[in-house]
Amino acid sequence: MRKIKLPLVVKVLIAIVLGILFGQFVPEWGVRLGNTVSGVFNQVLRFFIPLIIIGLVTPAIADFGKTAGKMLLVTVALAYVFTVCSGLFAYLFSVGLFPGMLSKGALSALQEGGREFEPFFTIAIPPLADVMTALVLSFLLGIGIAVTGASKMHGWFEELKGIIVLGIEKVIIPFLPFYIFCLFMDMAAAGKVGPVLGSFLAVVGVIFGMTLLLLVLQFCVAGIVARRNPFKALWGMLPAYMTALGTASSAATIPVTLRSTVSNGVREEIAGFTVPLCATIHMSGSTLKITSCAIALMLMFDMPVDFLTMLGFVMMLGVTMVAAPGVPGGSIMAALGILGSILGFDAAQQALMITLYIAMDSFGTACNVTGDGAIALIVDRIAGRSRA
């Protein structure tokens, strides 16, 4: 019989339900065993984070520099500005809406009090470098390869990227549902799962609405610059949006995004350049989701939400997620490092971030690829002016 392959979001939802059910009757040793396995996985995940940054960001920067030109620089700048602005948009809405919707400190019980199920043993796997070291090294090597044309070194990092992607696809992603299962089993056994689920549902609903509003704003800006009807252009991208909802992959949606972008009047050569590039570097939807989820969790864990800290987080997020769309779950994996280093998220909070993010994975991807059409409209207008 043909093997049925479930989407990751379905696996995560099943893991949450099973974790809550098992937490009601599994004996203490079973919960401790789950915490032992999840603790080892968490150490492996922390070890992978700097390798993900070096393995994905370095070859991406090298590729940008090698083909550098006016339109490349314009497209990259627009993609980064759109991404950062989406993070700031998420910040403004989140700090305005979430305090009235979510109970401050509602999840503090996860860190204090209640019954604790200690793992049988722990294994420490220190990462080879911290997040900032990995980022600086990636920029140094990527720019250096682009400037010097070091083809052999470029090839090495492309091979390293393949190894890292393989590790994510074959180790990290397949084990994530079990990791989340263990997390919710522990919370259910300790009687802490109630406030988590109620808060999650509220956050998911608000963020979905925010992604739609963000797209309207992006196409209004593109419509003003390109002198097009923004709502007609946004409607023209609907096939790409719906396809991305189903595939949850920017790369897999490229053919449909290209066709939708051209149908909006963008020249084929401009669409053929901007859409594949933006599928790699434009992360508005993912940034909105990660920023909003982070603020929601910070409020529920009674952590301070400071604008300057969040601004630095969003700006770093736009850089660290470069080339992440080519990897399943790559955006949240790349973001884990700065979630810990800038916002101070511990292992439990990072696990909750992964759960929230994956539950809305398709929304963010659909927002990313639809926004690619807005960037293409602007680039097409700028290219037309430069030729005139």
Protein backbone atom coordinates (compact mmCIF):
# COMPACT_ATOMS: atom_id res chain seq x y z
CA MET A 1 0.00 0.00 0.00
CA ARG A 2 1.08 3.54 -0.72
CA LYS A 3 2.57 5.22 2.33
CA ILE A 4 0.61 8.27 3.49
CA LYS A 5 2.84 11.25 4.27
CA LEU A 6 1.33 13.63 6.82
CA PRO A 7 2.24 17.34 6.76
CA LEU A 8 4.41 18.51 9.66
CA VAL A 9 1.64 20.69 11.09
CA VAL A 10 -0.67 17.65 11.27
CA LYS A 11 2.04 15.64 13.04
CA VAL A 12 2.52 18.47 15.55
CA LEU A 13 -1.21 18.71 16.26
CA ILE A 14 -1.37 14.93 16.77
CA ALA A 15 1.67 15.15 19.07
CA ILE A 16 -0.02 17.84 21.18
CA VAL A 17 -3.24 15.83 21.53
CA LEU A 18 -1.41 12.58 22.35
CA GLY A 19 0.90 14.37 24.78
CA ILE A 20 -2.07 15.76 26.71
CA LEU A 21 -3.82 12.36 26.74
CA PHE A 22 -0.74 10.39 27.78
CA GLY A 23 0.04 12.94 30.48
CA GLN A 24 -3.18 11.95 32.24
CA PHE A 25 -2.23 8.33 32.95
CA VAL A 26 1.47 7.67 32.15
CA PRO A 27 3.38 6.79 35.35
CA GLU A 28 6.12 9.04 36.67
CA TRP A 29 8.90 6.96 35.16
CA GLY A 30 7.30 7.36 31.69
CA VAL A 31 7.25 11.15 31.95
CA ARG A 32 10.82 11.17 33.25
CA LEU A 33 11.88 8.97 30.35
CA GLY A 34 10.24 11.39 27.89
CA ASN A 35 11.99 14.32 29.57
CA THR A 36 15.31 12.46 29.33
CA VAL A 37 14.94 11.91 25.58
CA SER A 38 13.69 15.45 24.94
CA GLY A 39 16.56 16.84 27.01
CA VAL A 40 19.12 15.05 24.83
CA PHE A 41 17.34 16.29 21.69
CA ASN A 42 17.40 19.84 23.03
CA GLN A 43 21.19 19.61 23.41
CA VAL A 44 21.49 18.31 19.84
CA LEU A 45 19.31 21.20 18.65
CA ARG A 46 21.48 23.76 20.44
CA PHE A 47 24.56 22.20 18.85
CA PHE A 48 22.97 22.51 15.40
CA ILE A 49 21.99 26.19 15.68
CA PRO A 50 25.40 27.81 14.87
CA LEU A 51 25.99 25.17 12.19
CA ILE A 52 22.64 26.07 10.59
CA ILE A 53 23.65 29.73 10.49
CA ILE A 54 27.10 29.08 9.04
CA GLY A 55 25.91 26.39 6.63
CA LEU A 56 22.98 28.35 5.22
CA VAL A 57 23.94 32.02 5.45
CA THR A 58 27.55 31.80 4.17
CA PRO A 59 26.79 30.32 0.71
CA ALA A 60 23.74 32.57 0.37
CA ILE A 61 25.83 35.73 0.90
CA ALA A 62 28.50 34.38 -1.45
CA ASP A 63 25.85 33.87 -4.15
CA PHE A 64 24.50 37.41 -3.73
CA GLY A 65 27.91 38.99 -4.09
CA LYS A 66 28.85 36.90 -7.11
CA THR A 67 25.88 38.14 -9.12
CA ALA A 68 25.77 41.64 -7.63
CA GLY A 69 24.11 44.27 -9.82
CA LYS A 70 21.76 47.19 -9.45
CA MET A 71 18.57 45.15 -9.58
CA LEU A 72 19.99 42.57 -7.20
CA LEU A 73 20.86 45.23 -4.65
CA VAL A 74 17.44 46.89 -5.07
CA THR A 75 15.62 43.57 -4.62
CA VAL A 76 17.68 42.53 -1.59
CA ALA A 77 17.19 45.96 0.02
CA LEU A 78 13.43 45.88 -0.60
CA ALA A 79 13.13 42.34 0.74
CA TYR A 80 15.03 43.28 3.91
CA VAL A 81 13.02 46.50 4.42
CA PHE A 82 9.74 44.62 3.92
CA THR A 83 10.90 41.95 6.39
CA VAL A 84 11.98 44.42 9.09
CA CYS A 85 8.85 46.54 8.65
CA SER A 86 6.70 43.42 9.05
CA GLY A 87 8.46 42.72 12.34
CA LEU A 88 7.81 46.29 13.56
CA PHE A 89 4.20 46.00 12.35
CA ALA A 90 3.90 42.80 14.40
CA TYR A 91 5.43 44.53 17.43
CA LEU A 92 2.95 47.43 17.31
CA PHE A 93 -0.09 45.19 16.96
CA SER A 94 1.13 42.64 19.50
CA VAL A 95 1.86 45.14 22.27
CA GLY A 96 -1.46 46.81 21.51
CA LEU A 97 -3.65 43.69 21.42
CA PHE A 98 -2.04 40.90 23.43
CA PRO A 99 -1.94 42.58 26.89
CA GLY A 100 -5.74 42.84 26.80
CA MET A 101 -6.20 39.29 25.54
CA LEU A 102 -3.59 37.30 27.41
CA SER A 103 -3.15 37.01 31.16
CA LYS A 104 0.19 38.47 32.18
CA GLY A 105 2.35 35.76 33.70
CA ALA A 106 -0.19 33.06 32.72
CA LEU A 107 2.59 30.61 31.87
CA SER A 108 4.90 31.45 34.74
CA ALA A 109 3.69 28.24 36.37
CA LEU A 110 5.75 26.37 33.79
CA GLN A 111 8.87 27.74 35.41
CA GLU A 112 7.89 27.64 39.04
CA GLY A 113 5.91 25.47 41.41
CA GLY A 114 3.91 22.42 40.39
CA ARG A 115 5.14 18.89 40.15
CA GLU A 116 8.55 18.37 38.53
CA PHE A 117 9.61 15.28 36.60
CA GLU A 118 13.39 15.24 36.49
CA PRO A 119 15.08 13.35 33.63
CA PHE A 120 16.99 10.19 34.53
CA PHE A 121 20.20 11.76 33.19
CA THR A 122 21.39 14.71 31.11
CA ILE A 123 23.99 14.99 28.37
CA ALA A 124 25.78 18.27 27.65
CA ILE A 125 26.68 18.90 23.97
CA PRO A 126 28.27 22.38 23.85
CA PRO A 127 27.92 24.14 20.46
CA LEU A 128 31.10 24.92 18.53
CA ALA A 129 30.36 28.68 18.62
CA ASP A 130 27.75 31.05 19.99
CA VAL A 131 25.19 32.71 17.74
CA MET A 132 26.95 36.04 17.24
CA THR A 133 30.24 34.32 16.42
CA ALA A 134 28.46 32.18 13.83
CA LEU A 135 26.77 35.22 12.28
CA VAL A 136 29.95 37.30 12.05
CA LEU A 137 31.87 34.33 10.66
CA SER A 138 29.15 33.74 8.04
CA PHE A 139 29.30 37.36 6.87
CA LEU A 140 33.09 37.41 6.81
CA LEU A 141 33.36 34.18 4.84
CA GLY A 142 30.41 34.92 2.53
CA ILE A 143 31.66 38.38 1.55
CA GLY A 144 35.23 37.12 1.28
CA ILE A 145 34.22 34.30 -1.08
CA ALA A 146 32.19 36.73 -3.21
CA VAL A 147 35.00 39.31 -3.48
CA THR A 148 37.89 36.90 -4.07
CA GLY A 149 35.96 34.42 -6.21
CA ALA A 150 37.17 31.52 -4.08
CA SER A 151 35.31 28.84 -6.02
CA LYS A 152 36.77 25.91 -4.08
CA MET A 153 35.75 27.38 -0.73
CA HIS A 154 32.34 28.24 -2.15
CA GLY A 155 31.99 24.61 -3.15
CA TRP A 156 32.96 23.47 0.34
CA PHE A 157 30.24 25.60 1.91
CA GLU A 158 27.68 24.41 -0.62
CA GLU A 159 28.56 20.87 0.43
CA LEU A 160 28.34 21.89 4.10
CA LYS A 161 24.90 23.37 3.36
CA GLY A 162 23.84 20.03 1.90
CA ILE A 163 25.00 18.22 5.03
CA ILE A 164 23.23 20.67 7.35
CA VAL A 165 20.02 20.49 5.32
CA LEU A 166 20.22 16.70 5.44
CA GLY A 167 20.63 16.84 9.22
CA ILE A 168 17.60 19.12 9.55
CA GLU A 169 15.44 17.05 7.22
CA LYS A 170 16.44 13.61 8.56
CA VAL A 171 17.10 14.31 12.26
CA ILE A 172 15.66 17.60 13.55
CA ILE A 173 12.34 17.83 11.69
CA PRO A 174 11.32 14.14 12.06
CA PHE A 175 12.00 14.23 15.80
CA LEU A 176 10.19 17.55 16.43
CA PRO A 177 6.71 16.00 16.87
CA PHE A 178 8.06 13.58 19.50
CA TYR A 179 9.87 16.48 21.21
CA ILE A 180 6.59 18.42 21.36
CA PHE A 181 4.75 15.27 22.50
CA CYS A 182 7.16 14.96 25.46
CA LEU A 183 6.79 18.66 26.29
CA PHE A 184 2.97 18.50 26.43
CA MET A 185 2.99 15.16 28.24
CA ASP A 186 5.14 16.74 30.94
CA MET A 187 2.88 19.81 31.16
CA ALA A 188 -0.26 17.65 31.29
CA ALA A 189 1.18 15.41 33.99
CA ALA A 190 2.11 18.50 36.01
CA GLY A 191 -1.34 20.07 35.47
CA LYS A 192 0.00 23.04 33.49
CA VAL A 193 -1.47 22.48 30.03
CA GLY A 194 -4.79 24.37 30.40
CA PRO A 195 -3.52 27.96 30.16
CA VAL A 196 -1.14 27.02 27.34
CA LEU A 197 -3.84 25.78 24.92
CA GLY A 198 -6.26 28.62 25.57
CA SER A 199 -3.57 31.21 25.02
CA PHE A 200 -2.29 29.46 21.88
CA LEU A 201 -5.71 29.56 20.19
CA ALA A 202 -6.07 33.29 20.80
CA VAL A 203 -2.58 34.02 19.46
CA VAL A 204 -3.10 31.93 16.29
CA GLY A 205 -6.33 33.75 15.43
CA VAL A 206 -4.83 37.22 15.87
CA ILE A 207 -1.69 36.42 13.88
CA PHE A 208 -3.71 35.07 10.95
CA GLY A 209 -5.60 38.38 10.79
CA MET A 210 -2.32 40.30 11.02
CA THR A 211 -0.86 38.47 8.00
CA LEU A 212 -3.85 39.47 5.86
CA LEU A 213 -3.64 43.10 6.95
CA LEU A 214 0.10 43.14 6.29
CA LEU A 215 -0.45 41.96 2.71
CA VAL A 216 -2.98 44.74 2.11
CA LEU A 217 -0.45 47.32 3.36
CA GLN A 218 2.38 45.86 1.25
CA PHE A 219 0.29 45.95 -1.92
CA CYS A 220 -0.91 49.48 -1.17
CA VAL A 221 2.74 50.57 -1.05
CA ALA A 222 3.52 48.62 -4.23
CA GLY A 223 0.42 50.04 -5.92
CA ILE A 224 1.47 53.62 -5.14
CA VAL A 225 5.00 53.07 -6.47
CA ALA A 226 4.00 51.03 -9.53
CA ARG A 227 0.80 53.01 -10.21
CA ARG A 228 -1.36 49.89 -10.11
CA ASN A 229 -4.62 49.03 -8.36
CA PRO A 230 -3.31 47.37 -5.16
CA PHE A 231 -6.42 45.27 -4.54
CA LYS A 232 -6.51 43.98 -8.11
CA ALA A 233 -2.81 43.10 -7.84
CA LEU A 234 -3.37 41.37 -4.50
CA TRP A 235 -6.28 39.40 -5.98
CA GLY A 236 -3.99 38.38 -8.85
CA MET A 237 -1.64 36.75 -6.33
CA LEU A 238 -4.44 34.61 -4.84
CA PRO A 239 -3.34 31.42 -6.70
CA ALA A 240 0.14 31.75 -5.16
CA TYR A 241 -1.36 32.36 -1.71
CA MET A 242 -3.60 29.29 -1.90
CA THR A 243 -0.81 27.11 -3.28
CA ALA A 244 1.51 28.17 -0.45
CA LEU A 245 -1.18 27.32 2.10
CA GLY A 246 -1.13 23.78 0.76
CA THR A 247 2.60 23.30 0.22
CA ALA A 248 3.94 25.39 3.15
CA SER A 249 7.01 25.89 0.93
CA SER A 250 8.17 29.09 -0.77
CA ALA A 251 10.38 27.10 -3.14
CA ALA A 252 7.62 24.70 -4.19
CA THR A 253 5.30 27.63 -4.90
CA ILE A 254 7.76 29.49 -7.21
CA PRO A 255 6.12 28.37 -10.52
CA VAL A 256 2.68 29.58 -9.37
CA THR A 257 4.14 32.78 -7.89
CA LEU A 258 5.89 33.50 -11.20
CA ARG A 259 2.70 33.02 -13.20
CA SER A 260 0.68 35.20 -10.80
CA THR A 261 3.33 37.93 -10.83
CA VAL A 262 3.45 38.04 -14.63
CA SER A 263 -0.37 38.16 -14.75
CA ASN A 264 -0.12 41.36 -12.66
CA GLY A 265 1.79 43.02 -15.50
CA VAL A 266 5.36 42.48 -14.29
CA ARG A 267 7.76 41.79 -17.17
CA GLU A 268 8.78 38.15 -17.42
CA GLU A 269 12.51 38.87 -17.10
CA ILE A 270 11.91 40.92 -13.93
CA ALA A 271 9.57 38.30 -12.46
CA GLY A 272 12.01 35.52 -13.36
CA PHE A 273 14.73 37.36 -11.41
CA THR A 274 12.86 38.69 -8.38
CA VAL A 275 10.52 35.79 -7.52
CA PRO A 276 13.17 33.04 -7.06
CA LEU A 277 15.42 35.47 -5.19
CA CYS A 278 12.63 36.70 -2.91
CA ALA A 279 11.61 33.09 -2.23
CA THR A 280 14.99 32.86 -0.51
CA ILE A 281 15.38 36.23 1.20
CA HIS A 282 11.92 37.77 1.69
CA MET A 283 10.55 36.62 5.06
CA SER A 284 7.82 39.11 6.03
CA GLY A 285 5.27 36.48 7.04
CA SER A 286 7.76 34.40 9.00
CA THR A 287 9.15 37.48 10.76
CA LEU A 288 5.64 38.61 11.68
CA LYS A 289 4.83 35.19 13.14
CA ILE A 290 8.06 34.82 15.10
CA THR A 291 7.91 38.38 16.47
CA SER A 292 4.25 38.11 17.49
CA CYS A 293 4.68 34.66 19.05
CA ALA A 294 7.76 35.84 20.94
CA ILE A 295 5.94 38.86 22.36
CA ALA A 296 2.93 36.71 23.32
CA LEU A 297 5.14 34.25 25.19
CA MET A 298 7.12 37.06 26.83
CA LEU A 299 3.88 38.55 28.16
CA MET A 300 2.62 35.18 29.38
CA PHE A 301 5.94 34.44 31.07
CA ASP A 302 5.95 37.96 32.58
CA MET A 303 9.14 38.95 30.73
CA PRO A 304 9.82 42.63 29.86
CA VAL A 305 8.99 43.68 26.28
CA ASP A 306 11.31 46.53 25.33
CA PHE A 307 11.10 48.29 21.94
CA LEU A 308 14.85 48.67 21.41
CA THR A 309 15.45 45.03 22.28
CA MET A 310 12.70 43.94 19.88
CA LEU A 311 14.06 46.25 17.16
CA GLY A 312 17.46 44.62 17.42
CA PHE A 313 15.82 41.20 17.44
CA VAL A 314 13.80 41.94 14.27
CA MET A 315 16.80 43.35 12.42
CA MET A 316 18.88 40.28 13.29
CA LEU A 317 15.96 38.04 12.37
CA GLY A 318 15.91 39.46 8.85
CA VAL A 319 19.55 38.41 8.44
CA THR A 320 19.60 35.02 10.16
CA MET A 321 16.65 33.66 8.15
CA VAL A 322 18.37 34.21 4.79
CA ALA A 323 18.12 30.98 2.75
CA ALA A 324 16.01 29.35 5.49
CA PRO A 325 12.91 28.89 3.27
CA GLY A 326 14.68 26.12 1.37
CA VAL A 327 14.66 24.00 4.53
CA PRO A 328 11.48 22.64 6.17
CA GLY A 329 11.05 24.56 9.42
CA GLY A 330 14.27 26.42 8.63
CA SER A 331 13.00 29.85 9.71
CA ILE A 332 12.23 28.93 13.30
CA MET A 333 15.37 26.78 13.50
CA ALA A 334 17.54 29.71 12.41
CA ALA A 335 15.70 32.02 14.83
CA LEU A 336 16.26 29.85 17.92
CA GLY A 337 19.75 31.25 18.39
CA ILE A 338 18.72 34.89 18.68
CA LEU A 339 15.59 33.97 20.62
CA GLY A 340 17.99 32.71 23.27
CA SER A 341 20.78 35.28 22.93
CA ILE A 342 18.70 38.46 22.52
CA LEU A 343 15.35 37.69 24.18
CA GLY A 344 16.62 35.20 26.76
CA PHE A 345 14.31 32.29 25.87
CA ASP A 346 15.13 29.06 27.68
CA ALA A 347 14.65 25.54 26.29
CA ALA A 348 10.97 25.26 27.32
CA GLN A 349 10.12 28.64 25.82
CA GLN A 350 11.94 27.77 22.60
CA ALA A 351 9.97 24.52 22.39
CA LEU A 352 6.72 26.47 22.77
CA MET A 353 7.90 28.86 20.03
CA ILE A 354 8.50 25.90 17.71
CA THR A 355 5.02 24.56 18.48
CA LEU A 356 3.29 27.91 17.88
CA TYR A 357 5.27 28.60 14.71
CA ILE A 358 4.65 25.22 13.10
CA ALA A 359 0.93 25.42 13.94
CA MET A 360 0.80 28.50 11.66
CA ASP A 361 3.49 27.48 9.19
CA SER A 362 1.31 27.76 6.08
CA PHE A 363 0.05 31.26 7.02
CA GLY A 364 3.56 32.68 7.13
CA THR A 365 4.67 30.99 3.92
CA ALA A 366 1.58 32.24 2.08
CA CYS A 367 2.29 35.77 3.33
CA ASN A 368 5.94 35.49 2.21
CA VAL A 369 5.22 34.37 -1.37
CA THR A 370 2.30 36.76 -1.88
CA GLY A 371 4.47 39.67 -0.72
CA ASP A 372 7.05 38.60 -3.32
CA GLY A 373 4.56 39.85 -5.92
CA ALA A 374 4.49 43.30 -4.29
CA ILE A 375 8.28 43.51 -4.37
CA ALA A 376 8.29 42.43 -8.03
CA LEU A 377 5.89 45.27 -8.89
CA ILE A 378 8.20 47.82 -7.27
CA VAL A 379 11.36 46.38 -8.89
CA ASP A 380 9.62 46.37 -12.29
CA ARG A 381 8.75 50.07 -11.89
CA ILE A 382 12.29 50.98 -10.79
CA ALA A 383 13.80 49.01 -13.66
CA GLY A 384 11.49 50.80 -16.10
CA ARG A 385 12.54 54.20 -14.78
CA SER A 386 16.24 53.32 -15.00
CA ARG A 387 15.81 52.39 -18.68
CA ALA A 388 13.94 55.59 -19.52
